[in-house]
Amino acid sequence: MHDHTVGCILSKKKMKKLLLIFFAVSLHAGETNIYQSITKRNAFELTSETPRPILPPVSEILRPSVFLTGITRFNGIRKIHLVLRKAGEPDKFVSLAINEKQHNVELKKIYKNSALISNNESEQLMSFKNNGLPTIITKPQSIKKESIIKSDIDRNERRRQYDEWRKRNE
């Protein structure tokens, strides 16, 4: 019996050692995975380098917004009419013929309902649908003939009911 008790005690000691080793290894392995994301994110501003946002090129920032307002033909010369909007500046109204350039905007080609321009050396296809000036004017709702006819029928029916009521009350 004594030998059996000694064997159990030894196996318990070995078991405890194995558990401690396993626990230490798992802590060490898990430690790098859990806290590494905090270090990378610099949540507590512990590292000296803060990530800097990547800015677009200066030409993109300085490029005005361009809106197509018209395409005309007068005396055989086709022109496009544009509005240039730049933050902090008043709108600029520009009319260009092919190969003319104003305010770093050059007209390359005119199509039926669109035009190809170069805006600060960046080519852009302009159309009324995609690059027209935003509007605040809304179209009135169209009145359908059916609704007019129906309202006339309703009006006549109400008049007939009123006439019947008046005759009964007289």
N, C-alpha and C. Protein backbone atom coordinates (compact mmCIF):
# COMPACT_ATOMS: atom_id res chain seq x y z
N MET A 1 0.82 -1.16 0.00
CA MET A 1 0.00 0.00 0.00
C MET A 1 0.87 1.23 0.00
N HIS A 2 1.95 1.14 0.71
CA HIS A 2 2.86 2.27 0.82
C HIS A 2 3.47 2.61 -0.54
N ASP A 3 3.82 1.60 -1.32
CA ASP A 3 4.40 1.82 -2.64
C ASP A 3 3.40 2.49 -3.57
N HIS A 4 2.16 2.09 -3.46
CA HIS A 4 1.12 2.65 -4.31
C HIS A 4 0.90 4.14 -4.00
N THR A 5 0.91 4.52 -2.73
CA THR A 5 0.74 5.91 -2.30
C THR A 5 1.90 6.75 -2.80
N VAL A 6 3.12 6.23 -2.69
CA VAL A 6 4.31 6.94 -3.16
C VAL A 6 4.21 7.14 -4.67
N GLY A 7 3.74 6.15 -5.39
CA GLY A 7 3.59 6.24 -6.85
C GLY A 7 2.57 7.29 -7.23
N CYS A 8 1.47 7.39 -6.48
CA CYS A 8 0.43 8.39 -6.76
C CYS A 8 0.96 9.78 -6.49
N ILE A 9 1.73 9.94 -5.42
CA ILE A 9 2.29 11.25 -5.09
C ILE A 9 3.26 11.69 -6.17
N LEU A 10 4.10 10.77 -6.64
CA LEU A 10 5.05 11.11 -7.70
C LEU A 10 4.31 11.48 -8.98
N SER A 11 3.29 10.76 -9.31
CA SER A 11 2.56 11.06 -10.52
C SER A 11 1.82 12.39 -10.39
N LYS A 12 1.36 12.72 -9.16
CA LYS A 12 0.70 14.01 -8.96
C LYS A 12 1.70 15.14 -9.12
N LYS A 13 2.93 14.94 -8.62
CA LYS A 13 3.97 15.95 -8.76
C LYS A 13 4.34 16.13 -10.24
N LYS A 14 4.43 15.03 -10.94
CA LYS A 14 4.74 15.11 -12.37
C LYS A 14 3.60 15.82 -13.11
N MET A 15 2.37 15.51 -12.71
CA MET A 15 1.21 16.11 -13.33
C MET A 15 1.20 17.61 -13.11
N LYS A 16 1.54 18.03 -11.88
CA LYS A 16 1.58 19.46 -11.57
C LYS A 16 2.65 20.16 -12.40
N LYS A 17 3.81 19.52 -12.55
CA LYS A 17 4.89 20.10 -13.34
C LYS A 17 4.47 20.23 -14.81
N LEU A 18 3.82 19.18 -15.31
CA LEU A 18 3.37 19.22 -16.69
C LEU A 18 2.34 20.34 -16.90
N LEU A 19 1.43 20.47 -15.95
CA LEU A 19 0.41 21.53 -16.05
C LEU A 19 1.06 22.91 -15.99
N LEU A 20 2.03 23.09 -15.09
CA LEU A 20 2.72 24.37 -14.99
C LEU A 20 3.48 24.70 -16.27
N ILE A 21 4.15 23.71 -16.83
CA ILE A 21 4.88 23.93 -18.08
C ILE A 21 3.91 24.28 -19.22
N PHE A 22 2.82 23.53 -19.31
CA PHE A 22 1.82 23.78 -20.35
C PHE A 22 1.22 25.18 -20.19
N PHE A 23 0.90 25.57 -18.96
CA PHE A 23 0.34 26.89 -18.68
C PHE A 23 1.32 27.99 -19.05
N ALA A 24 2.59 27.82 -18.70
CA ALA A 24 3.62 28.83 -19.01
C ALA A 24 3.79 28.97 -20.52
N VAL A 25 3.81 27.85 -21.24
CA VAL A 25 3.97 27.90 -22.69
C VAL A 25 2.76 28.58 -23.33
N SER A 26 1.56 28.23 -22.88
CA SER A 26 0.36 28.83 -23.47
C SER A 26 0.29 30.33 -23.18
N LEU A 27 0.71 30.76 -22.00
CA LEU A 27 0.75 32.19 -21.69
C LEU A 27 1.73 32.92 -22.59
N HIS A 28 2.89 32.32 -22.76
CA HIS A 28 3.92 32.94 -23.59
C HIS A 28 3.45 33.03 -25.04
N ALA A 29 2.84 31.99 -25.55
CA ALA A 29 2.38 31.98 -26.94
C ALA A 29 1.23 32.96 -27.14
N GLY A 30 0.30 32.98 -26.23
CA GLY A 30 -0.86 33.87 -26.36
C GLY A 30 -0.54 35.32 -26.11
N GLU A 31 0.48 35.60 -25.34
CA GLU A 31 0.84 36.96 -24.96
C GLU A 31 1.19 37.80 -26.18
N THR A 32 1.96 37.26 -27.09
CA THR A 32 2.38 38.03 -28.26
C THR A 32 1.20 38.29 -29.18
N ASN A 33 0.26 37.39 -29.32
CA ASN A 33 -0.87 37.57 -30.22
C ASN A 33 -1.87 38.58 -29.66
N ILE A 34 -2.12 38.54 -28.38
CA ILE A 34 -3.14 39.41 -27.79
C ILE A 34 -2.69 40.86 -27.77
N TYR A 35 -1.52 41.14 -27.32
CA TYR A 35 -1.08 42.51 -27.10
C TYR A 35 -0.38 43.14 -28.30
N GLN A 36 -0.06 42.34 -29.30
CA GLN A 36 0.63 42.88 -30.46
C GLN A 36 -0.25 43.89 -31.21
N SER A 37 -1.55 43.65 -31.28
CA SER A 37 -2.43 44.57 -31.99
C SER A 37 -2.51 45.92 -31.30
N ILE A 38 -2.41 45.94 -29.97
CA ILE A 38 -2.41 47.22 -29.24
C ILE A 38 -1.15 48.00 -29.56
N THR A 39 -0.04 47.32 -29.63
CA THR A 39 1.22 47.98 -29.95
C THR A 39 1.18 48.56 -31.36
N LYS A 40 0.70 47.79 -32.31
CA LYS A 40 0.63 48.28 -33.69
C LYS A 40 -0.32 49.46 -33.82
N ARG A 41 -1.43 49.42 -33.12
CA ARG A 41 -2.44 50.47 -33.21
C ARG A 41 -2.00 51.71 -32.46
N ASN A 42 -1.07 51.59 -31.52
CA ASN A 42 -0.58 52.69 -30.70
C ASN A 42 -1.74 53.37 -29.98
N ALA A 43 -2.59 52.56 -29.37
CA ALA A 43 -3.80 53.06 -28.73
C ALA A 43 -3.51 54.01 -27.57
N PHE A 44 -2.40 53.79 -26.89
CA PHE A 44 -2.07 54.63 -25.74
C PHE A 44 -0.96 55.62 -26.05
N GLU A 45 -0.63 55.78 -27.33
CA GLU A 45 0.39 56.70 -27.81
C GLU A 45 1.73 56.48 -27.09
N LEU A 46 2.12 55.22 -27.04
CA LEU A 46 3.37 54.87 -26.37
C LEU A 46 4.57 54.96 -27.30
N THR A 47 4.35 54.80 -28.59
CA THR A 47 5.46 54.89 -29.54
C THR A 47 5.57 56.32 -30.06
N SER A 48 6.75 56.70 -30.48
CA SER A 48 6.98 58.08 -30.89
C SER A 48 6.40 58.37 -32.27
N GLU A 49 6.30 57.38 -33.15
CA GLU A 49 5.80 57.60 -34.50
C GLU A 49 4.29 57.42 -34.54
N THR A 50 3.62 58.43 -35.04
CA THR A 50 2.19 58.30 -35.27
C THR A 50 1.98 58.15 -36.77
N PRO A 51 1.06 57.30 -37.18
CA PRO A 51 0.84 57.11 -38.61
C PRO A 51 0.32 58.40 -39.24
N ARG A 52 0.89 58.74 -40.37
CA ARG A 52 0.49 59.95 -41.08
C ARG A 52 -0.42 59.56 -42.23
N PRO A 53 -1.52 60.29 -42.41
CA PRO A 53 -2.42 59.95 -43.51
C PRO A 53 -1.76 60.26 -44.86
N ILE A 54 -2.06 59.46 -45.84
CA ILE A 54 -1.51 59.66 -47.17
C ILE A 54 -2.42 60.65 -47.90
N LEU A 55 -1.87 61.78 -48.29
CA LEU A 55 -2.64 62.82 -48.96
C LEU A 55 -2.60 62.63 -50.47
N PRO A 56 -3.68 63.05 -51.15
CA PRO A 56 -3.64 62.99 -52.61
C PRO A 56 -2.64 64.00 -53.15
N PRO A 57 -2.23 63.88 -54.40
CA PRO A 57 -1.27 64.83 -54.97
C PRO A 57 -1.84 66.26 -54.96
N VAL A 58 -0.95 67.23 -54.96
CA VAL A 58 -1.34 68.64 -54.92
C VAL A 58 -2.22 68.99 -56.10
N SER A 59 -1.93 68.42 -57.26
CA SER A 59 -2.73 68.74 -58.45
C SER A 59 -4.19 68.31 -58.25
N GLU A 60 -4.42 67.22 -57.52
CA GLU A 60 -5.78 66.79 -57.23
C GLU A 60 -6.48 67.76 -56.28
N ILE A 61 -5.76 68.24 -55.29
CA ILE A 61 -6.35 69.14 -54.30
C ILE A 61 -6.67 70.49 -54.94
N LEU A 62 -5.78 70.99 -55.79
CA LEU A 62 -5.96 72.30 -56.40
C LEU A 62 -6.90 72.29 -57.60
N ARG A 63 -7.23 71.12 -58.11
CA ARG A 63 -8.10 71.03 -59.28
C ARG A 63 -9.52 71.45 -58.91
N PRO A 64 -10.10 72.37 -59.68
CA PRO A 64 -11.48 72.80 -59.37
C PRO A 64 -12.49 71.75 -59.83
N SER A 65 -13.67 71.82 -59.25
CA SER A 65 -14.77 70.98 -59.72
C SER A 65 -15.31 71.63 -60.99
N VAL A 66 -15.54 70.81 -62.01
CA VAL A 66 -15.99 71.33 -63.30
C VAL A 66 -17.39 70.80 -63.58
N PHE A 67 -18.28 71.72 -63.99
CA PHE A 67 -19.65 71.35 -64.33
C PHE A 67 -19.94 71.79 -65.75
N LEU A 68 -20.52 70.90 -66.54
CA LEU A 68 -20.89 71.19 -67.91
C LEU A 68 -22.26 71.85 -67.93
N THR A 69 -22.34 73.05 -68.53
CA THR A 69 -23.62 73.76 -68.56
C THR A 69 -24.19 73.92 -69.96
N GLY A 70 -23.38 73.69 -71.00
CA GLY A 70 -23.94 73.81 -72.35
C GLY A 70 -22.94 73.47 -73.43
N ILE A 71 -23.49 73.10 -74.59
CA ILE A 71 -22.72 72.89 -75.81
C ILE A 71 -23.42 73.69 -76.89
N THR A 72 -22.70 74.61 -77.54
CA THR A 72 -23.32 75.46 -78.55
C THR A 72 -22.56 75.40 -79.87
N ARG A 73 -23.27 75.86 -80.91
CA ARG A 73 -22.66 76.00 -82.24
C ARG A 73 -23.14 77.34 -82.77
N PHE A 74 -22.18 78.23 -83.02
CA PHE A 74 -22.50 79.56 -83.54
C PHE A 74 -21.49 79.90 -84.63
N ASN A 75 -22.00 80.25 -85.81
CA ASN A 75 -21.16 80.55 -86.97
C ASN A 75 -20.18 79.41 -87.26
N GLY A 76 -20.62 78.18 -87.11
CA GLY A 76 -19.79 77.02 -87.41
C GLY A 76 -18.78 76.66 -86.35
N ILE A 77 -18.72 77.39 -85.25
CA ILE A 77 -17.77 77.12 -84.17
C ILE A 77 -18.52 76.48 -83.00
N ARG A 78 -18.08 75.28 -82.63
CA ARG A 78 -18.69 74.59 -81.49
C ARG A 78 -17.91 74.94 -80.23
N LYS A 79 -18.66 75.22 -79.17
CA LYS A 79 -18.06 75.55 -77.87
C LYS A 79 -18.79 74.80 -76.77
N ILE A 80 -18.06 74.59 -75.68
CA ILE A 80 -18.70 74.08 -74.47
C ILE A 80 -18.66 75.18 -73.43
N HIS A 81 -19.61 75.14 -72.52
CA HIS A 81 -19.70 76.14 -71.47
C HIS A 81 -19.62 75.41 -70.13
N LEU A 82 -18.73 75.89 -69.29
CA LEU A 82 -18.43 75.23 -68.02
C LEU A 82 -18.52 76.20 -66.86
N VAL A 83 -18.73 75.65 -65.68
CA VAL A 83 -18.61 76.39 -64.43
C VAL A 83 -17.50 75.71 -63.64
N LEU A 84 -16.51 76.50 -63.21
CA LEU A 84 -15.41 75.98 -62.40
C LEU A 84 -15.63 76.42 -60.97
N ARG A 85 -15.69 75.46 -60.06
CA ARG A 85 -15.87 75.75 -58.63
C ARG A 85 -14.65 75.31 -57.87
N LYS A 86 -14.09 76.26 -57.13
CA LYS A 86 -12.94 75.98 -56.28
C LYS A 86 -13.27 76.50 -54.89
N ALA A 87 -12.92 75.74 -53.88
CA ALA A 87 -13.24 76.13 -52.50
C ALA A 87 -12.65 77.50 -52.19
N GLY A 88 -13.46 78.36 -51.63
CA GLY A 88 -13.00 79.68 -51.20
C GLY A 88 -12.92 80.71 -52.31
N GLU A 89 -13.34 80.36 -53.52
CA GLU A 89 -13.31 81.30 -54.64
C GLU A 89 -14.68 81.36 -55.29
N PRO A 90 -14.99 82.50 -55.94
CA PRO A 90 -16.27 82.56 -56.66
C PRO A 90 -16.23 81.66 -57.90
N ASP A 91 -17.41 81.26 -58.38
CA ASP A 91 -17.49 80.43 -59.57
C ASP A 91 -16.91 81.16 -60.77
N LYS A 92 -16.26 80.40 -61.66
CA LYS A 92 -15.73 80.96 -62.90
C LYS A 92 -16.51 80.34 -64.05
N PHE A 93 -16.99 81.20 -64.96
CA PHE A 93 -17.75 80.74 -66.11
C PHE A 93 -16.83 80.77 -67.32
N VAL A 94 -16.68 79.62 -67.98
CA VAL A 94 -15.70 79.46 -69.05
C VAL A 94 -16.40 78.91 -70.28
N SER A 95 -16.07 79.48 -71.44
CA SER A 95 -16.52 78.96 -72.74
C SER A 95 -15.27 78.60 -73.52
N LEU A 96 -15.20 77.37 -74.02
CA LEU A 96 -14.00 76.90 -74.71
C LEU A 96 -14.35 76.29 -76.06
N ALA A 97 -13.54 76.61 -77.06
CA ALA A 97 -13.57 75.91 -78.34
C ALA A 97 -12.48 74.84 -78.28
N ILE A 98 -12.43 73.99 -79.29
CA ILE A 98 -11.44 72.91 -79.29
C ILE A 98 -10.04 73.49 -79.26
N ASN A 99 -9.19 72.91 -78.39
CA ASN A 99 -7.79 73.29 -78.16
C ASN A 99 -7.62 74.64 -77.48
N GLU A 100 -8.67 75.22 -76.94
CA GLU A 100 -8.54 76.44 -76.12
C GLU A 100 -8.34 76.04 -74.67
N LYS A 101 -7.63 76.90 -73.93
CA LYS A 101 -7.32 76.60 -72.53
C LYS A 101 -7.53 77.84 -71.68
N GLN A 102 -8.25 77.67 -70.56
CA GLN A 102 -8.43 78.72 -69.56
C GLN A 102 -8.42 78.07 -68.18
N HIS A 103 -7.75 78.70 -67.24
CA HIS A 103 -7.71 78.23 -65.84
C HIS A 103 -7.30 76.76 -65.74
N ASN A 104 -6.29 76.34 -66.52
CA ASN A 104 -5.78 74.96 -66.55
C ASN A 104 -6.82 73.94 -67.02
N VAL A 105 -7.86 74.39 -67.72
CA VAL A 105 -8.85 73.50 -68.31
C VAL A 105 -8.78 73.69 -69.82
N GLU A 106 -8.56 72.57 -70.54
CA GLU A 106 -8.45 72.63 -71.99
C GLU A 106 -9.46 71.68 -72.61
N LEU A 107 -10.12 72.15 -73.68
CA LEU A 107 -11.08 71.32 -74.39
C LEU A 107 -10.35 70.51 -75.45
N LYS A 108 -10.49 69.20 -75.39
CA LYS A 108 -9.85 68.30 -76.35
C LYS A 108 -10.78 67.96 -77.52
N LYS A 109 -12.03 67.56 -77.19
CA LYS A 109 -12.95 67.11 -78.23
C LYS A 109 -14.38 67.30 -77.76
N ILE A 110 -15.28 67.61 -78.71
CA ILE A 110 -16.70 67.76 -78.41
C ILE A 110 -17.45 66.62 -79.10
N TYR A 111 -18.29 65.93 -78.34
CA TYR A 111 -19.15 64.88 -78.87
C TYR A 111 -20.59 65.41 -78.91
N LYS A 112 -21.55 64.53 -79.21
CA LYS A 112 -22.95 64.97 -79.33
C LYS A 112 -23.48 65.56 -78.02
N ASN A 113 -23.39 64.83 -76.92
CA ASN A 113 -23.89 65.29 -75.62
C ASN A 113 -22.82 65.27 -74.53
N SER A 114 -21.55 65.30 -74.92
CA SER A 114 -20.47 65.27 -73.94
C SER A 114 -19.23 65.91 -74.54
N ALA A 115 -18.21 66.07 -73.73
CA ALA A 115 -16.96 66.67 -74.18
C ALA A 115 -15.81 66.09 -73.39
N LEU A 116 -14.65 66.00 -74.03
CA LEU A 116 -13.44 65.52 -73.38
C LEU A 116 -12.58 66.73 -73.06
N ILE A 117 -12.27 66.90 -71.77
CA ILE A 117 -11.45 68.04 -71.35
C ILE A 117 -10.21 67.53 -70.63
N SER A 118 -9.25 68.42 -70.49
CA SER A 118 -8.06 68.17 -69.68
C SER A 118 -8.10 69.17 -68.53
N ASN A 119 -8.20 68.67 -67.32
CA ASN A 119 -8.29 69.51 -66.12
C ASN A 119 -7.02 69.30 -65.32
N ASN A 120 -6.07 70.26 -65.36
CA ASN A 120 -4.76 70.13 -64.71
C ASN A 120 -4.05 68.86 -65.18
N GLU A 121 -3.99 68.67 -66.49
CA GLU A 121 -3.35 67.52 -67.13
C GLU A 121 -4.02 66.18 -66.83
N SER A 122 -5.23 66.19 -66.35
CA SER A 122 -5.98 64.97 -66.10
C SER A 122 -7.21 64.99 -67.01
N GLU A 123 -7.30 64.01 -67.93
CA GLU A 123 -8.41 64.00 -68.87
C GLU A 123 -9.68 63.51 -68.20
N GLN A 124 -10.79 64.13 -68.60
CA GLN A 124 -12.07 63.84 -67.99
C GLN A 124 -13.16 63.98 -69.06
N LEU A 125 -14.04 62.97 -69.15
CA LEU A 125 -15.17 63.02 -70.07
C LEU A 125 -16.35 63.65 -69.34
N MET A 126 -16.81 64.78 -69.86
CA MET A 126 -17.89 65.54 -69.23
C MET A 126 -19.21 65.25 -69.94
N SER A 127 -20.26 65.02 -69.17
CA SER A 127 -21.60 64.85 -69.74
C SER A 127 -22.59 65.58 -68.85
N PHE A 128 -23.75 65.91 -69.41
CA PHE A 128 -24.76 66.63 -68.63
C PHE A 128 -25.28 65.76 -67.49
N LYS A 129 -25.41 64.46 -67.75
CA LYS A 129 -25.95 63.56 -66.74
C LYS A 129 -25.01 63.43 -65.54
N ASN A 130 -23.70 63.26 -65.80
CA ASN A 130 -22.75 63.02 -64.72
C ASN A 130 -22.09 64.29 -64.19
N ASN A 131 -22.01 65.35 -65.01
CA ASN A 131 -21.26 66.54 -64.61
C ASN A 131 -22.06 67.82 -64.77
N GLY A 132 -23.38 67.72 -64.79
CA GLY A 132 -24.22 68.91 -64.88
C GLY A 132 -24.29 69.60 -63.53
N LEU A 133 -24.63 70.87 -63.55
CA LEU A 133 -24.79 71.61 -62.29
C LEU A 133 -25.93 71.02 -61.49
N PRO A 134 -25.76 70.87 -60.19
CA PRO A 134 -26.88 70.40 -59.37
C PRO A 134 -27.98 71.47 -59.36
N THR A 135 -29.21 71.03 -59.37
CA THR A 135 -30.32 71.97 -59.41
C THR A 135 -31.22 71.81 -58.20
N ILE A 136 -31.88 72.90 -57.84
CA ILE A 136 -32.85 72.83 -56.75
C ILE A 136 -34.26 72.93 -57.30
N ILE A 137 -34.38 73.15 -58.61
CA ILE A 137 -35.69 73.25 -59.25
C ILE A 137 -36.21 71.85 -59.51
N THR A 138 -37.45 71.63 -59.12
CA THR A 138 -38.06 70.32 -59.36
C THR A 138 -39.17 70.49 -60.39
N LYS A 139 -39.38 69.47 -61.18
CA LYS A 139 -40.42 69.51 -62.20
C LYS A 139 -41.77 69.31 -61.54
N PRO A 140 -42.78 70.03 -62.02
CA PRO A 140 -44.12 69.80 -61.46
C PRO A 140 -44.63 68.43 -61.87
N GLN A 141 -45.43 67.86 -61.02
CA GLN A 141 -45.98 66.55 -61.33
C GLN A 141 -46.97 66.68 -62.47
N SER A 142 -46.90 65.75 -63.39
CA SER A 142 -47.82 65.80 -64.52
C SER A 142 -49.20 65.35 -64.06
N ILE A 143 -50.20 66.07 -64.53
CA ILE A 143 -51.58 65.72 -64.18
C ILE A 143 -52.10 64.80 -65.27
N LYS A 144 -52.55 63.66 -64.88
CA LYS A 144 -53.03 62.68 -65.83
C LYS A 144 -54.49 62.98 -66.19
N LYS A 145 -54.84 62.70 -67.44
CA LYS A 145 -56.22 62.92 -67.89
C LYS A 145 -57.19 62.08 -67.07
N GLU A 146 -56.75 60.85 -66.73
CA GLU A 146 -57.63 59.96 -65.98
C GLU A 146 -58.04 60.57 -64.65
N SER A 147 -57.10 61.23 -63.97
CA SER A 147 -57.44 61.82 -62.67
C SER A 147 -58.38 63.00 -62.84
N ILE A 148 -58.24 63.76 -63.94
CA ILE A 148 -59.15 64.89 -64.20
C ILE A 148 -60.55 64.36 -64.48
N ILE A 149 -60.65 63.33 -65.31
CA ILE A 149 -61.95 62.75 -65.64
C ILE A 149 -62.60 62.17 -64.39
N LYS A 150 -61.80 61.49 -63.57
CA LYS A 150 -62.34 60.89 -62.35
C LYS A 150 -62.83 61.96 -61.39
N SER A 151 -62.09 63.06 -61.27
CA SER A 151 -62.53 64.13 -60.37
C SER A 151 -63.81 64.77 -60.88
N ASP A 152 -63.98 64.87 -62.22
CA ASP A 152 -65.23 65.40 -62.78
C ASP A 152 -66.39 64.47 -62.47
N ILE A 153 -66.16 63.16 -62.59
CA ILE A 153 -67.21 62.18 -62.28
C ILE A 153 -67.57 62.26 -60.81
N ASP A 154 -66.58 62.35 -59.92
CA ASP A 154 -66.84 62.46 -58.49
C ASP A 154 -67.63 63.73 -58.18
N ARG A 155 -67.28 64.83 -58.83
CA ARG A 155 -67.96 66.11 -58.61
C ARG A 155 -69.42 66.00 -59.06
N ASN A 156 -69.66 65.39 -60.22
CA ASN A 156 -71.03 65.23 -60.72
C ASN A 156 -71.85 64.32 -59.81
N GLU A 157 -71.21 63.27 -59.30
CA GLU A 157 -71.90 62.35 -58.39
C GLU A 157 -72.28 63.05 -57.09
N ARG A 158 -71.39 63.87 -56.55
CA ARG A 158 -71.70 64.62 -55.32
C ARG A 158 -72.82 65.62 -55.55
N ARG A 159 -72.81 66.27 -56.72
CA ARG A 159 -73.86 67.24 -57.04
C ARG A 159 -75.21 66.54 -57.14
N ARG A 160 -75.23 65.37 -57.77
CA ARG A 160 -76.47 64.61 -57.90
C ARG A 160 -76.99 64.21 -56.52
N GLN A 161 -76.10 63.74 -55.62
CA GLN A 161 -76.51 63.36 -54.27
C GLN A 161 -77.04 64.56 -53.50
N TYR A 162 -76.43 65.73 -53.68
CA TYR A 162 -76.89 66.94 -52.99
C TYR A 162 -78.27 67.34 -53.48
N ASP A 163 -78.44 67.28 -54.81
CA ASP A 163 -79.76 67.63 -55.36
C ASP A 163 -80.84 66.71 -54.83
N GLU A 164 -80.57 65.41 -54.73
CA GLU A 164 -81.54 64.45 -54.17
C GLU A 164 -81.84 64.78 -52.71
N TRP A 165 -80.84 65.10 -51.94
CA TRP A 165 -81.04 65.42 -50.51
C TRP A 165 -81.90 66.67 -50.37
N ARG A 166 -81.64 67.68 -51.21
CA ARG A 166 -82.40 68.93 -51.15
C ARG A 166 -83.87 68.69 -51.50
N LYS A 167 -84.10 67.84 -52.50
CA LYS A 167 -85.50 67.56 -52.90
C LYS A 167 -86.25 66.85 -51.78
N ARG A 168 -85.56 65.92 -51.09
CA ARG A 168 -86.20 65.20 -49.98
C ARG A 168 -86.52 66.12 -48.82
N ASN A 169 -85.69 67.10 -48.58
CA ASN A 169 -85.88 68.01 -47.44
C ASN A 169 -86.82 69.16 -47.75
N GLU A 170 -87.27 69.34 -48.97
CA GLU A 170 -88.18 70.44 -49.29
C GLU A 170 -89.60 70.11 -49.08
